[in-house]
Amino acid sequence: MQGLDLQLEQRLGSAGAGSFTLRNDTAYYLKQERQDGPGQPWQDLKETYAAPKWRNLFSVTWELATWANTLALRSTGGFYDTDEPDPAPGTRKVAAHHEVDWVSGFTGLKNLRLDFGIRNLFDRMPPFSVTNASDGRYSQLGFAELYTNRGRFFFLNASYEFN
């Protein structure tokens, strides 16, 4: 696998209104190769089943006193709906997928951190894949393994630091 990773971050402060952090993480894949056996040629599977050309995470965090709130957009590029290299013209394309997450954290009690969040805030199901649904070779019938098909997910996390 060969690719490029790019991370950009900017912190913005405002007296009384807390601070904001904008962050973007991008992975762009140049090659995603496999070799079927010793001595066999390497095949580039980029943009085929579950091997998108890019992934991205953009987040905005607002911190004020003992509170932090993060809103994040997770995006995954589309891919051809085949697990074979060099898809034929007209091969079905699985669309790009975007999900929004939200997390709120509180650190106002000594040594304790509380987080509450919602993954997949808008309850978006991943795009359907015929390749995954066709013959049972894959674990999530109808959805590529790079997605979760659990839908909206609420969580609460508490962590305590012992001194």
N, C-alpha and C. Protein backbone atom coordinates (compact mmCIF):
# COMPACT_ATOMS: atom_id res chain seq x y z
N MET A 1 0.85 -1.17 0.00
CA MET A 1 0.00 0.00 0.00
C MET A 1 0.90 1.23 0.00
N GLN A 2 0.60 2.14 -0.89
CA GLN A 2 1.31 3.41 -0.95
C GLN A 2 0.29 4.53 -1.00
N GLY A 3 0.61 5.62 -0.34
CA GLY A 3 -0.32 6.74 -0.36
C GLY A 3 0.25 7.96 0.32
N LEU A 4 -0.61 8.93 0.46
CA LEU A 4 -0.25 10.18 1.09
C LEU A 4 -1.20 10.45 2.25
N ASP A 5 -0.66 10.92 3.35
CA ASP A 5 -1.47 11.34 4.49
C ASP A 5 -1.23 12.83 4.69
N LEU A 6 -2.30 13.55 4.93
CA LEU A 6 -2.21 14.98 5.15
C LEU A 6 -3.04 15.34 6.36
N GLN A 7 -2.43 16.04 7.30
CA GLN A 7 -3.13 16.48 8.50
C GLN A 7 -2.96 17.99 8.64
N LEU A 8 -4.08 18.68 8.78
CA LEU A 8 -4.08 20.12 8.99
C LEU A 8 -4.85 20.42 10.26
N GLU A 9 -4.33 21.35 11.07
CA GLU A 9 -5.01 21.71 12.32
C GLU A 9 -4.82 23.20 12.57
N GLN A 10 -5.89 23.83 12.99
CA GLN A 10 -5.85 25.26 13.32
C GLN A 10 -6.63 25.49 14.60
N ARG A 11 -5.98 26.14 15.56
CA ARG A 11 -6.64 26.50 16.82
C ARG A 11 -6.99 27.98 16.77
N LEU A 12 -8.20 28.28 17.17
CA LEU A 12 -8.68 29.66 17.21
C LEU A 12 -9.17 29.94 18.61
N GLY A 13 -8.72 31.03 19.20
CA GLY A 13 -9.13 31.38 20.55
C GLY A 13 -10.00 32.62 20.55
N SER A 14 -10.85 32.70 21.56
CA SER A 14 -11.72 33.86 21.70
C SER A 14 -11.96 34.08 23.18
N ALA A 15 -11.63 35.26 23.66
CA ALA A 15 -11.80 35.56 25.09
C ALA A 15 -13.26 35.35 25.50
N GLY A 16 -13.45 34.51 26.48
CA GLY A 16 -14.78 34.28 27.01
C GLY A 16 -15.60 33.25 26.25
N ALA A 17 -15.30 33.03 24.99
CA ALA A 17 -16.09 32.08 24.19
C ALA A 17 -15.38 30.73 24.06
N GLY A 18 -14.26 30.56 24.71
CA GLY A 18 -13.53 29.30 24.62
C GLY A 18 -12.62 29.27 23.40
N SER A 19 -12.18 28.07 23.05
CA SER A 19 -11.31 27.92 21.89
C SER A 19 -11.92 26.91 20.93
N PHE A 20 -11.58 27.08 19.67
CA PHE A 20 -12.04 26.18 18.62
C PHE A 20 -10.83 25.56 17.95
N THR A 21 -10.95 24.28 17.63
CA THR A 21 -9.91 23.59 16.88
C THR A 21 -10.55 22.99 15.63
N LEU A 22 -10.00 23.34 14.48
CA LEU A 22 -10.42 22.76 13.21
C LEU A 22 -9.34 21.77 12.81
N ARG A 23 -9.75 20.56 12.44
CA ARG A 23 -8.77 19.54 12.09
C ARG A 23 -9.26 18.75 10.89
N ASN A 24 -8.33 18.45 9.99
CA ASN A 24 -8.65 17.63 8.83
C ASN A 24 -7.55 16.59 8.63
N ASP A 25 -7.95 15.34 8.54
CA ASP A 25 -7.04 14.23 8.28
C ASP A 25 -7.48 13.55 6.99
N THR A 26 -6.58 13.48 6.01
CA THR A 26 -6.90 12.87 4.73
C THR A 26 -5.89 11.78 4.42
N ALA A 27 -6.38 10.65 3.94
CA ALA A 27 -5.52 9.59 3.42
C ALA A 27 -5.91 9.39 1.95
N TYR A 28 -4.92 9.49 1.08
CA TYR A 28 -5.13 9.30 -0.35
C TYR A 28 -4.23 8.15 -0.78
N TYR A 29 -4.84 7.10 -1.30
CA TYR A 29 -4.09 5.89 -1.65
C TYR A 29 -3.63 5.94 -3.11
N LEU A 30 -2.34 5.74 -3.32
CA LEU A 30 -1.79 5.68 -4.67
C LEU A 30 -1.82 4.26 -5.22
N LYS A 31 -1.56 3.28 -4.35
CA LYS A 31 -1.60 1.86 -4.72
C LYS A 31 -2.15 1.05 -3.56
N GLN A 32 -2.94 0.04 -3.88
CA GLN A 32 -3.39 -0.94 -2.89
C GLN A 32 -3.26 -2.30 -3.58
N GLU A 33 -2.09 -2.90 -3.45
CA GLU A 33 -1.77 -4.07 -4.25
C GLU A 33 -1.93 -5.38 -3.48
N ARG A 34 -2.17 -6.45 -4.25
CA ARG A 34 -2.18 -7.81 -3.70
C ARG A 34 -1.48 -8.72 -4.69
N GLN A 35 -0.96 -9.81 -4.14
CA GLN A 35 -0.32 -10.84 -4.95
C GLN A 35 -1.02 -12.15 -4.63
N ASP A 36 -1.59 -12.81 -5.62
CA ASP A 36 -2.38 -14.02 -5.38
C ASP A 36 -1.55 -15.22 -4.95
N GLY A 37 -0.27 -15.21 -5.20
CA GLY A 37 0.60 -16.31 -4.79
C GLY A 37 2.03 -15.99 -5.13
N PRO A 38 2.99 -16.80 -4.61
CA PRO A 38 4.40 -16.57 -4.91
C PRO A 38 4.64 -16.59 -6.42
N GLY A 39 5.38 -15.61 -6.91
CA GLY A 39 5.69 -15.54 -8.33
C GLY A 39 4.59 -14.93 -9.18
N GLN A 40 3.43 -14.71 -8.60
CA GLN A 40 2.33 -14.10 -9.35
C GLN A 40 2.54 -12.59 -9.42
N PRO A 41 2.00 -11.94 -10.43
CA PRO A 41 2.17 -10.49 -10.53
C PRO A 41 1.36 -9.76 -9.47
N TRP A 42 1.84 -8.58 -9.10
CA TRP A 42 1.11 -7.73 -8.18
C TRP A 42 -0.03 -7.06 -8.95
N GLN A 43 -1.19 -6.97 -8.30
CA GLN A 43 -2.37 -6.36 -8.92
C GLN A 43 -2.83 -5.19 -8.06
N ASP A 44 -3.07 -4.04 -8.69
CA ASP A 44 -3.53 -2.86 -7.96
C ASP A 44 -5.05 -2.91 -7.82
N LEU A 45 -5.52 -2.94 -6.59
CA LEU A 45 -6.95 -3.03 -6.30
C LEU A 45 -7.55 -1.70 -5.89
N LYS A 46 -6.79 -0.61 -6.04
CA LYS A 46 -7.30 0.70 -5.66
C LYS A 46 -8.61 0.97 -6.38
N GLU A 47 -9.58 1.44 -5.65
CA GLU A 47 -10.93 1.77 -6.12
C GLU A 47 -11.75 0.55 -6.50
N THR A 48 -11.35 -0.64 -6.04
CA THR A 48 -12.21 -1.81 -6.18
C THR A 48 -12.79 -2.12 -4.81
N TYR A 49 -13.49 -3.23 -4.67
CA TYR A 49 -14.26 -3.55 -3.47
C TYR A 49 -13.50 -3.24 -2.17
N ALA A 50 -14.07 -2.38 -1.35
CA ALA A 50 -13.57 -2.02 -0.02
C ALA A 50 -12.17 -1.41 -0.04
N ALA A 51 -11.76 -0.87 -1.17
CA ALA A 51 -10.45 -0.22 -1.29
C ALA A 51 -10.62 1.16 -1.94
N PRO A 52 -11.26 2.09 -1.23
CA PRO A 52 -11.50 3.41 -1.82
C PRO A 52 -10.19 4.16 -2.05
N LYS A 53 -10.24 5.14 -2.93
CA LYS A 53 -9.06 5.94 -3.25
C LYS A 53 -8.71 6.90 -2.11
N TRP A 54 -9.70 7.30 -1.31
CA TRP A 54 -9.44 8.27 -0.25
C TRP A 54 -10.38 8.06 0.94
N ARG A 55 -9.91 8.59 2.08
CA ARG A 55 -10.72 8.67 3.31
C ARG A 55 -10.41 10.03 3.93
N ASN A 56 -11.39 10.57 4.66
CA ASN A 56 -11.19 11.88 5.25
C ASN A 56 -11.94 11.98 6.58
N LEU A 57 -11.36 12.71 7.51
CA LEU A 57 -12.02 13.02 8.78
C LEU A 57 -11.84 14.51 9.04
N PHE A 58 -12.94 15.24 9.10
CA PHE A 58 -12.92 16.67 9.40
C PHE A 58 -13.65 16.87 10.72
N SER A 59 -13.04 17.61 11.65
CA SER A 59 -13.70 17.83 12.94
C SER A 59 -13.54 19.27 13.40
N VAL A 60 -14.53 19.70 14.16
CA VAL A 60 -14.51 21.00 14.83
C VAL A 60 -14.72 20.72 16.31
N THR A 61 -13.81 21.20 17.15
CA THR A 61 -13.93 21.03 18.60
C THR A 61 -14.04 22.41 19.24
N TRP A 62 -15.00 22.54 20.13
CA TRP A 62 -15.19 23.77 20.90
C TRP A 62 -14.93 23.43 22.36
N GLU A 63 -13.94 24.09 22.96
CA GLU A 63 -13.59 23.87 24.36
C GLU A 63 -13.88 25.14 25.15
N LEU A 64 -14.60 24.97 26.25
CA LEU A 64 -14.93 26.09 27.13
C LEU A 64 -14.93 25.57 28.56
N ALA A 65 -14.02 26.10 29.37
CA ALA A 65 -13.88 25.70 30.77
C ALA A 65 -13.69 24.18 30.85
N THR A 66 -14.61 23.47 31.48
CA THR A 66 -14.46 22.02 31.69
C THR A 66 -15.22 21.20 30.65
N TRP A 67 -15.69 21.83 29.60
CA TRP A 67 -16.46 21.15 28.56
C TRP A 67 -15.72 21.16 27.23
N ALA A 68 -15.90 20.10 26.48
CA ALA A 68 -15.39 20.03 25.10
C ALA A 68 -16.46 19.34 24.25
N ASN A 69 -16.76 19.92 23.12
CA ASN A 69 -17.73 19.35 22.18
C ASN A 69 -17.07 19.22 20.82
N THR A 70 -17.20 18.04 20.23
CA THR A 70 -16.61 17.79 18.91
C THR A 70 -17.68 17.29 17.96
N LEU A 71 -17.71 17.89 16.79
CA LEU A 71 -18.56 17.45 15.69
C LEU A 71 -17.62 17.01 14.58
N ALA A 72 -17.81 15.79 14.08
CA ALA A 72 -16.87 15.24 13.09
C ALA A 72 -17.62 14.68 11.89
N LEU A 73 -17.04 14.87 10.72
CA LEU A 73 -17.56 14.30 9.48
C LEU A 73 -16.55 13.29 8.97
N ARG A 74 -16.97 12.01 8.92
CA ARG A 74 -16.13 10.93 8.39
C ARG A 74 -16.59 10.62 6.98
N SER A 75 -15.67 10.64 6.03
CA SER A 75 -16.01 10.40 4.63
C SER A 75 -15.11 9.32 4.05
N THR A 76 -15.70 8.48 3.21
CA THR A 76 -14.97 7.42 2.53
C THR A 76 -15.33 7.48 1.05
N GLY A 77 -14.33 7.46 0.19
CA GLY A 77 -14.57 7.52 -1.25
C GLY A 77 -15.29 6.30 -1.77
N GLY A 78 -15.88 6.43 -2.93
CA GLY A 78 -16.57 5.31 -3.56
C GLY A 78 -15.57 4.34 -4.18
N PHE A 79 -16.10 3.21 -4.67
CA PHE A 79 -15.25 2.21 -5.30
C PHE A 79 -16.09 1.36 -6.24
N TYR A 80 -15.41 0.68 -7.17
CA TYR A 80 -16.11 -0.23 -8.07
C TYR A 80 -16.55 -1.46 -7.30
N ASP A 81 -17.74 -1.94 -7.60
CA ASP A 81 -18.34 -3.05 -6.86
C ASP A 81 -17.87 -4.40 -7.40
N THR A 82 -16.56 -4.59 -7.36
CA THR A 82 -15.94 -5.85 -7.75
C THR A 82 -14.66 -6.00 -6.95
N ASP A 83 -14.29 -7.24 -6.65
CA ASP A 83 -13.03 -7.46 -5.94
C ASP A 83 -11.92 -7.91 -6.89
N GLU A 84 -12.14 -7.71 -8.18
CA GLU A 84 -11.14 -8.02 -9.19
C GLU A 84 -10.45 -6.74 -9.66
N PRO A 85 -9.15 -6.82 -9.97
CA PRO A 85 -8.45 -5.62 -10.46
C PRO A 85 -8.95 -5.22 -11.85
N ASP A 86 -8.71 -3.99 -12.22
CA ASP A 86 -9.07 -3.47 -13.55
C ASP A 86 -10.54 -3.72 -13.90
N PRO A 87 -11.46 -3.07 -13.19
CA PRO A 87 -12.89 -3.28 -13.46
C PRO A 87 -13.25 -2.99 -14.91
N ALA A 88 -14.13 -3.80 -15.45
CA ALA A 88 -14.60 -3.62 -16.83
C ALA A 88 -15.45 -2.37 -16.94
N PRO A 89 -15.47 -1.75 -18.11
CA PRO A 89 -16.35 -0.59 -18.29
C PRO A 89 -17.80 -0.96 -17.94
N GLY A 90 -18.47 -0.06 -17.27
CA GLY A 90 -19.86 -0.31 -16.88
C GLY A 90 -20.02 -1.01 -15.55
N THR A 91 -18.90 -1.37 -14.88
CA THR A 91 -18.99 -2.01 -13.57
C THR A 91 -19.68 -1.06 -12.59
N ARG A 92 -20.60 -1.61 -11.81
CA ARG A 92 -21.35 -0.82 -10.83
C ARG A 92 -20.38 -0.13 -9.87
N LYS A 93 -20.71 1.09 -9.48
CA LYS A 93 -19.88 1.85 -8.55
C LYS A 93 -20.64 2.03 -7.23
N VAL A 94 -19.99 1.73 -6.12
CA VAL A 94 -20.55 1.97 -4.79
C VAL A 94 -20.24 3.43 -4.45
N ALA A 95 -21.24 4.17 -4.02
CA ALA A 95 -21.10 5.60 -3.78
C ALA A 95 -20.20 5.89 -2.57
N ALA A 96 -19.67 7.10 -2.55
CA ALA A 96 -18.95 7.58 -1.36
C ALA A 96 -19.92 7.60 -0.18
N HIS A 97 -19.38 7.57 1.02
CA HIS A 97 -20.23 7.51 2.22
C HIS A 97 -19.74 8.54 3.23
N HIS A 98 -20.69 9.21 3.88
CA HIS A 98 -20.38 10.25 4.86
C HIS A 98 -21.22 10.01 6.11
N GLU A 99 -20.57 10.13 7.26
CA GLU A 99 -21.27 10.02 8.55
C GLU A 99 -20.81 11.14 9.46
N VAL A 100 -21.73 11.61 10.32
CA VAL A 100 -21.43 12.67 11.28
C VAL A 100 -21.46 12.07 12.68
N ASP A 101 -20.46 12.41 13.49
CA ASP A 101 -20.39 11.97 14.89
C ASP A 101 -20.36 13.20 15.79
N TRP A 102 -20.84 13.05 17.01
CA TRP A 102 -20.81 14.13 17.99
C TRP A 102 -20.38 13.54 19.33
N VAL A 103 -19.46 14.23 20.02
CA VAL A 103 -19.00 13.83 21.35
C VAL A 103 -18.93 15.06 22.23
N SER A 104 -19.43 14.93 23.46
CA SER A 104 -19.33 15.99 24.45
C SER A 104 -18.60 15.43 25.66
N GLY A 105 -17.58 16.15 26.13
CA GLY A 105 -16.80 15.68 27.27
C GLY A 105 -16.80 16.68 28.41
N PHE A 106 -16.73 16.16 29.64
CA PHE A 106 -16.74 16.98 30.84
C PHE A 106 -15.59 16.55 31.74
N THR A 107 -14.78 17.51 32.22
CA THR A 107 -13.64 17.22 33.09
C THR A 107 -13.70 18.05 34.37
N GLY A 108 -14.89 18.40 34.82
CA GLY A 108 -15.06 19.30 35.97
C GLY A 108 -14.93 18.66 37.33
N LEU A 109 -14.75 17.35 37.41
CA LEU A 109 -14.57 16.66 38.69
C LEU A 109 -13.15 16.09 38.74
N LYS A 110 -12.50 16.23 39.87
CA LYS A 110 -11.10 15.84 40.01
C LYS A 110 -10.86 14.40 39.53
N ASN A 111 -9.90 14.25 38.62
CA ASN A 111 -9.44 12.96 38.10
C ASN A 111 -10.49 12.21 37.28
N LEU A 112 -11.65 12.79 37.02
CA LEU A 112 -12.72 12.10 36.31
C LEU A 112 -12.99 12.77 34.97
N ARG A 113 -13.16 11.96 33.96
CA ARG A 113 -13.57 12.46 32.64
C ARG A 113 -14.81 11.69 32.22
N LEU A 114 -15.83 12.42 31.79
CA LEU A 114 -17.07 11.83 31.30
C LEU A 114 -17.26 12.24 29.84
N ASP A 115 -17.58 11.28 29.00
CA ASP A 115 -17.86 11.55 27.59
C ASP A 115 -19.20 10.94 27.22
N PHE A 116 -19.97 11.68 26.48
CA PHE A 116 -21.22 11.18 25.91
C PHE A 116 -21.17 11.49 24.43
N GLY A 117 -21.58 10.55 23.61
CA GLY A 117 -21.53 10.81 22.18
C GLY A 117 -22.52 10.00 21.39
N ILE A 118 -22.61 10.39 20.14
CA ILE A 118 -23.46 9.69 19.19
C ILE A 118 -22.64 9.48 17.92
N ARG A 119 -22.42 8.23 17.57
CA ARG A 119 -21.78 7.89 16.30
C ARG A 119 -22.89 7.77 15.25
N ASN A 120 -22.61 8.21 14.05
CA ASN A 120 -23.59 8.17 12.96
C ASN A 120 -24.86 8.92 13.37
N LEU A 121 -24.68 10.16 13.74
CA LEU A 121 -25.73 11.02 14.28
C LEU A 121 -27.01 11.01 13.46
N PHE A 122 -26.90 11.01 12.14
CA PHE A 122 -28.09 11.08 11.28
C PHE A 122 -28.56 9.70 10.82
N ASP A 123 -28.01 8.64 11.42
CA ASP A 123 -28.45 7.26 11.18
C ASP A 123 -28.40 6.88 9.70
N ARG A 124 -27.28 7.16 9.05
CA ARG A 124 -27.12 6.85 7.63
C ARG A 124 -26.57 5.44 7.45
N MET A 125 -27.26 4.64 6.68
CA MET A 125 -26.76 3.31 6.35
C MET A 125 -25.71 3.43 5.25
N PRO A 126 -24.71 2.56 5.27
CA PRO A 126 -23.69 2.61 4.22
C PRO A 126 -24.28 2.19 2.88
N PRO A 127 -23.62 2.54 1.78
CA PRO A 127 -24.13 2.16 0.47
C PRO A 127 -24.07 0.64 0.26
N PHE A 128 -25.03 0.14 -0.47
CA PHE A 128 -25.16 -1.29 -0.74
C PHE A 128 -24.08 -1.76 -1.71
N SER A 129 -23.57 -2.97 -1.47
CA SER A 129 -22.58 -3.59 -2.35
C SER A 129 -23.10 -4.93 -2.83
N VAL A 130 -23.25 -5.08 -4.14
CA VAL A 130 -23.68 -6.35 -4.72
C VAL A 130 -22.61 -7.40 -4.49
N THR A 131 -21.32 -7.03 -4.60
CA THR A 131 -20.23 -7.98 -4.39
C THR A 131 -20.33 -8.61 -3.01
N ASN A 132 -20.61 -7.81 -2.00
CA ASN A 132 -20.70 -8.34 -0.65
C ASN A 132 -21.94 -9.19 -0.46
N ALA A 133 -23.02 -8.87 -1.12
CA ALA A 133 -24.29 -9.58 -0.92
C ALA A 133 -24.42 -10.83 -1.76
N SER A 134 -23.53 -11.06 -2.72
CA SER A 134 -23.77 -12.08 -3.74
C SER A 134 -23.44 -13.52 -3.36
N ASP A 135 -22.35 -13.76 -2.66
CA ASP A 135 -21.96 -15.17 -2.51
C ASP A 135 -21.49 -15.57 -1.11
N GLY A 136 -21.64 -14.72 -0.13
CA GLY A 136 -21.30 -15.10 1.24
C GLY A 136 -19.82 -15.12 1.55
N ARG A 137 -18.95 -14.64 0.65
CA ARG A 137 -17.51 -14.63 0.93
C ARG A 137 -17.13 -13.57 1.95
N TYR A 138 -18.00 -12.61 2.18
CA TYR A 138 -17.69 -11.49 3.07
C TYR A 138 -18.61 -11.51 4.27
N SER A 139 -18.22 -10.82 5.33
CA SER A 139 -18.91 -10.95 6.61
C SER A 139 -20.16 -10.10 6.78
N GLN A 140 -20.27 -8.98 6.11
CA GLN A 140 -21.43 -8.11 6.28
C GLN A 140 -22.26 -8.15 5.01
N LEU A 141 -23.21 -9.01 4.94
CA LEU A 141 -23.96 -9.19 3.70
C LEU A 141 -24.59 -7.89 3.24
N GLY A 142 -24.09 -7.36 2.15
CA GLY A 142 -24.64 -6.16 1.54
C GLY A 142 -23.85 -4.89 1.79
N PHE A 143 -22.89 -4.92 2.73
CA PHE A 143 -22.12 -3.72 3.03
C PHE A 143 -20.64 -4.08 3.11
N ALA A 144 -19.79 -3.25 2.55
CA ALA A 144 -18.35 -3.50 2.62
C ALA A 144 -17.88 -3.45 4.07
N GLU A 145 -16.86 -4.24 4.40
CA GLU A 145 -16.35 -4.32 5.77
C GLU A 145 -15.76 -3.01 6.28
N LEU A 146 -15.47 -2.07 5.40
CA LEU A 146 -14.90 -0.82 5.88
C LEU A 146 -15.95 0.07 6.53
N TYR A 147 -17.21 -0.31 6.48
CA TYR A 147 -18.29 0.42 7.14
C TYR A 147 -18.84 -0.39 8.31
N THR A 148 -19.54 0.30 9.19
CA THR A 148 -20.33 -0.40 10.19
C THR A 148 -21.79 -0.26 9.77
N ASN A 149 -22.56 -1.30 9.94
CA ASN A 149 -23.97 -1.23 9.57
C ASN A 149 -24.87 -1.17 10.81
N ARG A 150 -24.31 -0.77 11.94
CA ARG A 150 -25.08 -0.75 13.18
C ARG A 150 -26.02 0.45 13.29
N GLY A 151 -25.89 1.43 12.42
CA GLY A 151 -26.75 2.61 12.49
C GLY A 151 -26.31 3.56 13.59
N ARG A 152 -27.23 4.41 14.03
CA ARG A 152 -26.92 5.39 15.08
C ARG A 152 -26.54 4.64 16.36
N PHE A 153 -25.51 5.15 17.05
CA PHE A 153 -24.98 4.47 18.22
C PHE A 153 -24.68 5.49 19.31
N PHE A 154 -25.31 5.34 20.47
CA PHE A 154 -25.09 6.23 21.61
C PHE A 154 -24.07 5.58 22.54
N PHE A 155 -23.20 6.39 23.15
CA PHE A 155 -22.26 5.82 24.11
C PHE A 155 -21.99 6.80 25.24
N LEU A 156 -21.59 6.23 26.36
CA LEU A 156 -21.20 6.98 27.55
C LEU A 156 -19.91 6.35 28.04
N ASN A 157 -18.93 7.18 28.33
CA ASN A 157 -17.65 6.67 28.80
C ASN A 157 -17.23 7.47 30.03
N ALA A 158 -16.76 6.77 31.03
CA ALA A 158 -16.22 7.42 32.23
C ALA A 158 -14.82 6.87 32.46
N SER A 159 -13.88 7.77 32.73
CA SER A 159 -12.53 7.32 33.05
C SER A 159 -12.04 8.09 34.27
N TYR A 160 -11.38 7.35 35.15
CA TYR A 160 -10.88 7.93 36.39
C TYR A 160 -9.39 7.68 36.47
N GLU A 161 -8.64 8.70 36.82
CA GLU A 161 -7.19 8.59 36.94
C GLU A 161 -6.81 8.50 38.40
N PHE A 162 -6.23 7.36 38.78
CA PHE A 162 -5.78 7.16 40.16
C PHE A 162 -4.38 7.73 40.31
N ASN A 163 -4.16 8.46 41.38
CA ASN A 163 -2.83 9.05 41.62
C ASN A 163 -2.07 8.27 42.67
